[in-house]
Protein backbone atom coordinates (compact mmCIF):
# COMPACT_ATOMS: atom_id res chain seq x y z
CA UNK A 1 0.00 0.00 0.00
CA UNK A 2 1.34 3.43 -0.90
CA UNK A 3 0.46 7.02 -0.16
CA UNK A 4 0.76 9.33 -3.16
CA UNK A 5 1.54 12.77 -1.78
CA UNK A 6 2.17 15.84 -3.97
CA UNK A 7 5.54 17.46 -3.27
CA UNK A 8 3.95 20.82 -2.43
CA UNK A 9 1.66 19.23 0.18
CA UNK A 10 4.56 17.29 1.67
CA UNK A 11 6.44 20.59 1.99
CA UNK A 12 3.40 22.20 3.66
CA UNK A 13 3.33 19.44 6.28
CA UNK A 14 7.05 19.88 6.92
CA UNK A 15 6.71 23.68 7.18
CA UNK A 16 3.75 23.37 9.52
CA UNK A 17 5.86 21.10 11.74
CA UNK A 18 8.66 23.67 11.74
CA UNK A 19 6.26 26.53 12.46
CA UNK A 20 4.69 24.66 15.39
CA UNK A 21 8.05 23.63 16.91
CA UNK A 22 8.59 22.91 19.83
CA UNK A 23 4.97 21.74 19.80
CA UNK A 24 3.29 19.12 17.63
CA UNK A 25 1.33 20.21 14.59
CA UNK A 26 -1.58 18.17 13.25
CA UNK A 27 -4.06 17.97 10.42
CA UNK A 28 -5.99 15.84 7.96
CA UNK A 29 -5.05 14.15 4.70
CA UNK A 30 -7.89 14.39 2.16
CA UNK A 31 -8.11 12.61 -1.17
CA UNK A 32 -9.10 9.31 -2.73
CA UNK A 33 -8.38 5.63 -2.14
CA UNK A 34 -8.13 3.19 -5.02
CA UNK A 35 -7.22 -0.36 -4.08
CA UNK A 36 -3.74 -0.41 -2.58
CA UNK A 37 -3.06 3.24 -3.42
CA UNK A 38 -4.21 6.44 -1.74
CA UNK A 39 -3.75 9.86 -3.29
CA UNK A 40 -3.74 13.00 -1.15
CA UNK A 41 -5.30 15.96 -2.93
CA UNK A 42 -5.44 18.49 -0.11
CA UNK A 43 -4.61 19.07 3.52
CA UNK A 44 -6.83 20.43 6.25
CA UNK A 45 -4.61 21.79 9.02
CA UNK A 46 -6.04 21.54 12.53
CA UNK A 47 -5.27 23.43 15.69
CA UNK A 48 -3.56 21.25 18.28
CA UNK A 49 -6.12 21.52 21.09
CA UNK A 50 -3.97 19.66 23.64
CA UNK A 51 -3.25 21.63 26.81
CA UNK A 52 -0.03 23.66 26.72
CA UNK A 53 1.92 21.37 29.04
CA UNK A 54 1.50 18.37 26.71
CA UNK A 55 1.66 19.97 23.23
CA UNK A 56 5.38 19.22 22.92
CA UNK A 57 4.66 15.48 22.56
CA UNK A 58 0.89 15.11 22.07
CA UNK A 59 -1.78 16.44 19.76
CA UNK A 60 -5.54 16.58 20.03
CA UNK A 61 -7.94 17.00 17.14
CA UNK A 62 -11.44 17.93 18.30
CA UNK A 63 -14.73 16.67 16.90
CA UNK A 64 -15.31 20.17 15.53
CA UNK A 65 -12.05 19.99 13.56
CA UNK A 66 -13.07 16.57 12.27
CA UNK A 67 -16.40 17.98 11.04
CA UNK A 68 -14.59 20.85 9.27
CA UNK A 69 -12.35 18.31 7.51
CA UNK A 70 -15.36 16.18 6.51
CA UNK A 71 -17.06 19.27 5.07
CA UNK A 72 -13.88 20.29 3.22
CA UNK A 73 -13.66 16.77 1.80
CA UNK A 74 -17.31 16.73 0.69
CA UNK A 75 -16.88 20.11 -1.04
CA UNK A 76 -13.86 18.75 -2.93
CA UNK A 77 -15.08 15.21 -3.67
CA UNK A 78 -12.47 13.84 -1.27
CA UNK A 79 -12.50 11.63 1.80
CA UNK A 80 -10.44 11.68 4.96
CA UNK A 81 -7.53 9.33 4.24
CA UNK A 82 -5.75 9.95 7.50
CA UNK A 83 -3.85 12.42 9.59
CA UNK A 84 -0.46 14.05 9.88
CA UNK A 85 1.46 15.33 12.85
CA UNK A 86 4.97 16.24 13.88
CA UNK A 87 7.35 14.74 16.42
CA UNK A 88 9.49 17.54 17.89
CA UNK A 89 12.99 16.24 18.59
CA UNK A 90 11.80 12.66 18.15
CA UNK A 91 11.89 10.08 15.34
CA UNK A 92 9.28 9.95 12.58
CA UNK A 93 7.94 6.70 14.02
CA UNK A 94 4.67 6.14 15.87
CA UNK A 95 4.92 6.33 19.62
CA UNK A 96 3.06 3.97 21.94
CA UNK A 97 0.60 6.82 22.52
CA UNK A 98 0.08 7.09 18.74
CA UNK A 99 -0.60 3.35 18.55
CA UNK A 100 -3.01 3.45 21.47
CA UNK A 101 -5.06 6.24 19.87
CA UNK A 102 -4.89 5.41 16.16
CA UNK A 103 -7.58 3.81 14.02
CA UNK A 104 -6.94 1.01 11.52
CA UNK A 105 -7.05 1.77 7.77
CA UNK A 106 -6.08 5.46 8.07
CA UNK A 107 -2.69 6.78 6.97
CA UNK A 108 -0.61 8.52 9.65
CA UNK A 109 2.09 10.80 8.27
CA UNK A 110 4.72 11.80 10.83
CA UNK A 111 7.41 14.41 10.30
CA UNK A 112 10.38 14.54 12.65
CA UNK A 113 11.36 18.12 13.49
CA UNK A 114 14.82 18.39 15.04
CA UNK A 115 15.64 21.72 16.69
CA UNK A 116 13.11 23.44 14.44
CA UNK A 117 14.12 21.83 11.12
CA UNK A 118 12.00 19.14 9.47
CA UNK A 119 13.89 15.93 8.75
CA UNK A 120 12.48 12.45 8.11
CA UNK A 121 8.87 12.08 7.01
CA UNK A 122 7.15 8.69 7.12
CA UNK A 123 3.66 7.23 6.84
CA UNK A 124 2.12 4.38 8.81
CA UNK A 125 -1.08 2.31 8.86
CA UNK A 126 -2.34 0.58 12.02
CA UNK A 127 -3.04 -3.11 11.48
CA UNK A 128 -6.69 -4.18 11.72
CA UNK A 129 -5.93 -6.23 14.84
CA UNK A 130 -4.25 -3.15 16.40
CA UNK A 131 -1.05 -5.17 17.01
CA UNK A 132 1.15 -2.42 15.57
CA UNK A 133 1.82 -0.18 12.60
CA UNK A 134 3.11 -1.08 9.17
CA UNK A 135 5.15 1.52 7.32
CA UNK A 136 3.45 2.87 4.22
CA UNK A 137 5.57 4.00 1.28
CA UNK A 138 5.22 7.70 0.47
CA UNK A 139 5.32 8.37 -3.27
CA UNK A 140 6.17 12.03 -3.75
CA UNK A 141 4.38 13.21 -6.90
CA UNK A 142 4.31 16.47 -8.89
C-alpha atoms as a PDB file:
ATOM      1  CA  UNK A   1       0.000   0.000   0.000  1.00  0.00           C
ATOM      2  CA  UNK A   2       1.345   3.428  -0.896  1.00  0.00           C
ATOM      3  CA  UNK A   3       0.459   7.021  -0.157  1.00  0.00           C
ATOM      4  CA  UNK A   4       0.764   9.327  -3.158  1.00  0.00           C
ATOM      5  CA  UNK A   5       1.543  12.775  -1.777  1.00  0.00           C
ATOM      6  CA  UNK A   6       2.168  15.836  -3.969  1.00  0.00           C
ATOM      7  CA  UNK A   7       5.537  17.459  -3.271  1.00  0.00           C
ATOM      8  CA  UNK A   8       3.953  20.818  -2.432  1.00  0.00           C
ATOM      9  CA  UNK A   9       1.663  19.234   0.178  1.00  0.00           C
ATOM     10  CA  UNK A  10       4.562  17.293   1.667  1.00  0.00           C
ATOM     11  CA  UNK A  11       6.442  20.590   1.993  1.00  0.00           C
ATOM     12  CA  UNK A  12       3.397  22.197   3.659  1.00  0.00           C
ATOM     13  CA  UNK A  13       3.329  19.440   6.280  1.00  0.00           C
ATOM     14  CA  UNK A  14       7.050  19.878   6.915  1.00  0.00           C
ATOM     15  CA  UNK A  15       6.709  23.683   7.178  1.00  0.00           C
ATOM     16  CA  UNK A  16       3.748  23.370   9.521  1.00  0.00           C
ATOM     17  CA  UNK A  17       5.858  21.103  11.737  1.00  0.00           C
ATOM     18  CA  UNK A  18       8.663  23.669  11.736  1.00  0.00           C
ATOM     19  CA  UNK A  19       6.264  26.535  12.459  1.00  0.00           C
ATOM     20  CA  UNK A  20       4.695  24.660  15.393  1.00  0.00           C
ATOM     21  CA  UNK A  21       8.047  23.634  16.914  1.00  0.00           C
ATOM     22  CA  UNK A  22       8.594  22.910  19.829  1.00  0.00           C
ATOM     23  CA  UNK A  23       4.968  21.735  19.804  1.00  0.00           C
ATOM     24  CA  UNK A  24       3.287  19.122  17.633  1.00  0.00           C
ATOM     25  CA  UNK A  25       1.331  20.207  14.593  1.00  0.00           C
ATOM     26  CA  UNK A  26      -1.578  18.171  13.249  1.00  0.00           C
ATOM     27  CA  UNK A  27      -4.061  17.971  10.421  1.00  0.00           C
ATOM     28  CA  UNK A  28      -5.987  15.844   7.962  1.00  0.00           C
ATOM     29  CA  UNK A  29      -5.046  14.152   4.697  1.00  0.00           C
ATOM     30  CA  UNK A  30      -7.894  14.389   2.163  1.00  0.00           C
ATOM     31  CA  UNK A  31      -8.108  12.614  -1.174  1.00  0.00           C
ATOM     32  CA  UNK A  32      -9.103   9.308  -2.726  1.00  0.00           C
ATOM     33  CA  UNK A  33      -8.384   5.634  -2.139  1.00  0.00           C
ATOM     34  CA  UNK A  34      -8.135   3.188  -5.021  1.00  0.00           C
ATOM     35  CA  UNK A  35      -7.223  -0.360  -4.084  1.00  0.00           C
ATOM     36  CA  UNK A  36      -3.742  -0.406  -2.578  1.00  0.00           C
ATOM     37  CA  UNK A  37      -3.064   3.241  -3.419  1.00  0.00           C
ATOM     38  CA  UNK A  38      -4.207   6.439  -1.742  1.00  0.00           C
ATOM     39  CA  UNK A  39      -3.748   9.864  -3.289  1.00  0.00           C
ATOM     40  CA  UNK A  40      -3.736  12.995  -1.148  1.00  0.00           C
ATOM     41  CA  UNK A  41      -5.302  15.964  -2.929  1.00  0.00           C
ATOM     42  CA  UNK A  42      -5.438  18.491  -0.114  1.00  0.00           C
ATOM     43  CA  UNK A  43      -4.609  19.073   3.519  1.00  0.00           C
ATOM     44  CA  UNK A  44      -6.834  20.433   6.249  1.00  0.00           C
ATOM     45  CA  UNK A  45      -4.613  21.793   9.018  1.00  0.00           C
ATOM     46  CA  UNK A  46      -6.036  21.539  12.526  1.00  0.00           C
ATOM     47  CA  UNK A  47      -5.270  23.426  15.692  1.00  0.00           C
ATOM     48  CA  UNK A  48      -3.564  21.245  18.283  1.00  0.00           C
ATOM     49  CA  UNK A  49      -6.119  21.522  21.091  1.00  0.00           C
ATOM     50  CA  UNK A  50      -3.966  19.660  23.640  1.00  0.00           C
ATOM     51  CA  UNK A  51      -3.250  21.627  26.812  1.00  0.00           C
ATOM     52  CA  UNK A  52      -0.031  23.657  26.718  1.00  0.00           C
ATOM     53  CA  UNK A  53       1.919  21.371  29.045  1.00  0.00           C
ATOM     54  CA  UNK A  54       1.497  18.374  26.711  1.00  0.00           C
ATOM     55  CA  UNK A  55       1.664  19.974  23.227  1.00  0.00           C
ATOM     56  CA  UNK A  56       5.384  19.217  22.915  1.00  0.00           C
ATOM     57  CA  UNK A  57       4.658  15.482  22.559  1.00  0.00           C
ATOM     58  CA  UNK A  58       0.894  15.105  22.067  1.00  0.00           C
ATOM     59  CA  UNK A  59      -1.778  16.444  19.757  1.00  0.00           C
ATOM     60  CA  UNK A  60      -5.538  16.582  20.031  1.00  0.00           C
ATOM     61  CA  UNK A  61      -7.937  17.000  17.136  1.00  0.00           C
ATOM     62  CA  UNK A  62     -11.436  17.928  18.296  1.00  0.00           C
ATOM     63  CA  UNK A  63     -14.725  16.668  16.897  1.00  0.00           C
ATOM     64  CA  UNK A  64     -15.309  20.173  15.529  1.00  0.00           C
ATOM     65  CA  UNK A  65     -12.047  19.991  13.556  1.00  0.00           C
ATOM     66  CA  UNK A  66     -13.072  16.566  12.266  1.00  0.00           C
ATOM     67  CA  UNK A  67     -16.400  17.984  11.043  1.00  0.00           C
ATOM     68  CA  UNK A  68     -14.592  20.846   9.272  1.00  0.00           C
ATOM     69  CA  UNK A  69     -12.353  18.312   7.508  1.00  0.00           C
ATOM     70  CA  UNK A  70     -15.355  16.182   6.513  1.00  0.00           C
ATOM     71  CA  UNK A  71     -17.056  19.271   5.066  1.00  0.00           C
ATOM     72  CA  UNK A  72     -13.884  20.285   3.218  1.00  0.00           C
ATOM     73  CA  UNK A  73     -13.664  16.775   1.803  1.00  0.00           C
ATOM     74  CA  UNK A  74     -17.308  16.730   0.695  1.00  0.00           C
ATOM     75  CA  UNK A  75     -16.881  20.111  -1.041  1.00  0.00           C
ATOM     76  CA  UNK A  76     -13.858  18.747  -2.934  1.00  0.00           C
ATOM     77  CA  UNK A  77     -15.084  15.209  -3.669  1.00  0.00           C
ATOM     78  CA  UNK A  78     -12.467  13.840  -1.270  1.00  0.00           C
ATOM     79  CA  UNK A  79     -12.503  11.633   1.796  1.00  0.00           C
ATOM     80  CA  UNK A  80     -10.441  11.684   4.958  1.00  0.00           C
ATOM     81  CA  UNK A  81      -7.533   9.328   4.244  1.00  0.00           C
ATOM     82  CA  UNK A  82      -5.745   9.950   7.500  1.00  0.00           C
ATOM     83  CA  UNK A  83      -3.851  12.419   9.593  1.00  0.00           C
ATOM     84  CA  UNK A  84      -0.464  14.047   9.880  1.00  0.00           C
ATOM     85  CA  UNK A  85       1.457  15.331  12.853  1.00  0.00           C
ATOM     86  CA  UNK A  86       4.974  16.235  13.877  1.00  0.00           C
ATOM     87  CA  UNK A  87       7.349  14.739  16.419  1.00  0.00           C
ATOM     88  CA  UNK A  88       9.490  17.539  17.888  1.00  0.00           C
ATOM     89  CA  UNK A  89      12.989  16.240  18.591  1.00  0.00           C
ATOM     90  CA  UNK A  90      11.803  12.658  18.150  1.00  0.00           C
ATOM     91  CA  UNK A  91      11.894  10.080  15.339  1.00  0.00           C
ATOM     92  CA  UNK A  92       9.278   9.949  12.583  1.00  0.00           C
ATOM     93  CA  UNK A  93       7.942   6.700  14.022  1.00  0.00           C
ATOM     94  CA  UNK A  94       4.667   6.143  15.867  1.00  0.00           C
ATOM     95  CA  UNK A  95       4.919   6.331  19.621  1.00  0.00           C
ATOM     96  CA  UNK A  96       3.062   3.972  21.936  1.00  0.00           C
ATOM     97  CA  UNK A  97       0.604   6.816  22.517  1.00  0.00           C
ATOM     98  CA  UNK A  98       0.084   7.094  18.738  1.00  0.00           C
ATOM     99  CA  UNK A  99      -0.598   3.353  18.547  1.00  0.00           C
ATOM    100  CA  UNK A 100      -3.014   3.450  21.473  1.00  0.00           C
ATOM    101  CA  UNK A 101      -5.065   6.244  19.870  1.00  0.00           C
ATOM    102  CA  UNK A 102      -4.889   5.411  16.157  1.00  0.00           C
ATOM    103  CA  UNK A 103      -7.584   3.813  14.017  1.00  0.00           C
ATOM    104  CA  UNK A 104      -6.943   1.012  11.517  1.00  0.00           C
ATOM    105  CA  UNK A 105      -7.053   1.770   7.772  1.00  0.00           C
ATOM    106  CA  UNK A 106      -6.080   5.460   8.065  1.00  0.00           C
ATOM    107  CA  UNK A 107      -2.687   6.775   6.973  1.00  0.00           C
ATOM    108  CA  UNK A 108      -0.613   8.522   9.655  1.00  0.00           C
ATOM    109  CA  UNK A 109       2.093  10.804   8.272  1.00  0.00           C
ATOM    110  CA  UNK A 110       4.720  11.802  10.833  1.00  0.00           C
ATOM    111  CA  UNK A 111       7.414  14.414  10.296  1.00  0.00           C
ATOM    112  CA  UNK A 112      10.382  14.536  12.654  1.00  0.00           C
ATOM    113  CA  UNK A 113      11.360  18.117  13.491  1.00  0.00           C
ATOM    114  CA  UNK A 114      14.819  18.391  15.038  1.00  0.00           C
ATOM    115  CA  UNK A 115      15.641  21.718  16.694  1.00  0.00           C
ATOM    116  CA  UNK A 116      13.106  23.445  14.442  1.00  0.00           C
ATOM    117  CA  UNK A 117      14.120  21.835  11.116  1.00  0.00           C
ATOM    118  CA  UNK A 118      12.003  19.136   9.469  1.00  0.00           C
ATOM    119  CA  UNK A 119      13.891  15.929   8.746  1.00  0.00           C
ATOM    120  CA  UNK A 120      12.483  12.447   8.113  1.00  0.00           C
ATOM    121  CA  UNK A 121       8.869  12.083   7.012  1.00  0.00           C
ATOM    122  CA  UNK A 122       7.154   8.688   7.118  1.00  0.00           C
ATOM    123  CA  UNK A 123       3.662   7.231   6.840  1.00  0.00           C
ATOM    124  CA  UNK A 124       2.120   4.383   8.811  1.00  0.00           C
ATOM    125  CA  UNK A 125      -1.082   2.313   8.863  1.00  0.00           C
ATOM    126  CA  UNK A 126      -2.337   0.584  12.019  1.00  0.00           C
ATOM    127  CA  UNK A 127      -3.043  -3.110  11.483  1.00  0.00           C
ATOM    128  CA  UNK A 128      -6.688  -4.184  11.722  1.00  0.00           C
ATOM    129  CA  UNK A 129      -5.933  -6.234  14.838  1.00  0.00           C
ATOM    130  CA  UNK A 130      -4.248  -3.147  16.399  1.00  0.00           C
ATOM    131  CA  UNK A 131      -1.051  -5.173  17.009  1.00  0.00           C
ATOM    132  CA  UNK A 132       1.147  -2.419  15.567  1.00  0.00           C
ATOM    133  CA  UNK A 133       1.820  -0.177  12.601  1.00  0.00           C
ATOM    134  CA  UNK A 134       3.108  -1.075   9.165  1.00  0.00           C
ATOM    135  CA  UNK A 135       5.147   1.516   7.318  1.00  0.00           C
ATOM    136  CA  UNK A 136       3.451   2.875   4.219  1.00  0.00           C
ATOM    137  CA  UNK A 137       5.569   4.002   1.283  1.00  0.00           C
ATOM    138  CA  UNK A 138       5.221   7.703   0.467  1.00  0.00           C
ATOM    139  CA  UNK A 139       5.322   8.370  -3.274  1.00  0.00           C
ATOM    140  CA  UNK A 140       6.174  12.035  -3.747  1.00  0.00           C
ATOM    141  CA  UNK A 141       4.383  13.208  -6.899  1.00  0.00           C
ATOM    142  CA  UNK A 142       4.306  16.473  -8.887  1.00  0.00           C
END
